[in-house]
Amino acid sequence: MTSSPDDSPATPSTAVFFDIDGTLVDSNYAHVDAWSRAFVEVGHPVDSWRIHRSIGKDSSLLIAGLLGEDVPDDLVERAKEAHTRFYDEHLGDDGDLHVLARATDLLAELAGRGHSVVLATSAPENELAALRGLLDVEDALWAVTSSEDVETAKPDPGIVEVALERAGVPAARAVMVGDAVFDVMAAHRADVRCIGVLSGGFSRDELLEAGAEEVYDDVAALLDALDTSLIGRLGRE
């Protein structure tokens, strides 16, 4: 469905947006490893549990939150470059990332029901290409966002707003699915309802407190409950 506009079908009236890291692909802990090694390399070690609490957040905000607002710009850039280098080790044919259970089934099912399925991520293009290769469900996708689309990632609502524009639906006709409180916050700020999943390591209470309307263990559990979920109700509204 990501083919050229000339041969695309009519725009669906509802849309479901998905975060990727920790929601569709089991990659959050790979990011923790990459950031941990990056911070050691730049001379500012950070405990892994603290890093995990920031996964899903814009990288500049992550660094500022963990190292302080007064970190020199050159150190920020060196940390980002090191993270990318270490995270790349987890990608590709020799990497250790895997798609979470029934994630591709859920995307295909939603597309089959007539929803616009959008990968609403701020991942860099090189990471995104590898993640899309893992998911291998291009025919189910209506659109995809990336870091090229916004200056600041989640919890800023920019990515969700871009997803709304590409899906061609109003906020009331869309649902976001994400694993991090930052996904929920971004959706809330864009007036999009959100479903949380526990597969990224944030708790049910944290996701609900951030504004998620429903929380499932993972996307497999969401697929099992799809008809009675917020998404199922969206399709009947």
Foldseek 3Di string as FASTA:
>chain_A
DQDDPVPDDDQFAFAEEEAPDLAFKPCLVLLLVQLQVLCVVLPHHDDSVLLLQCPQFWLVVSCCVGPNPPDDPVSSVSSVVSSVVSSVCQFDPNHDMATPPCSLVLLQVCLVLRHAYEHQYAAAPVVVVRSCVRSVNVVSHQYYDYVVQDVGGFLALRSVVVVCVSSVYQQLRYEYEEAHLRSLNSSVVSVHAYEHEPSSPDDPVSNVVSPHPYYYPGVVRCVVCVCVDPNVVSSVD
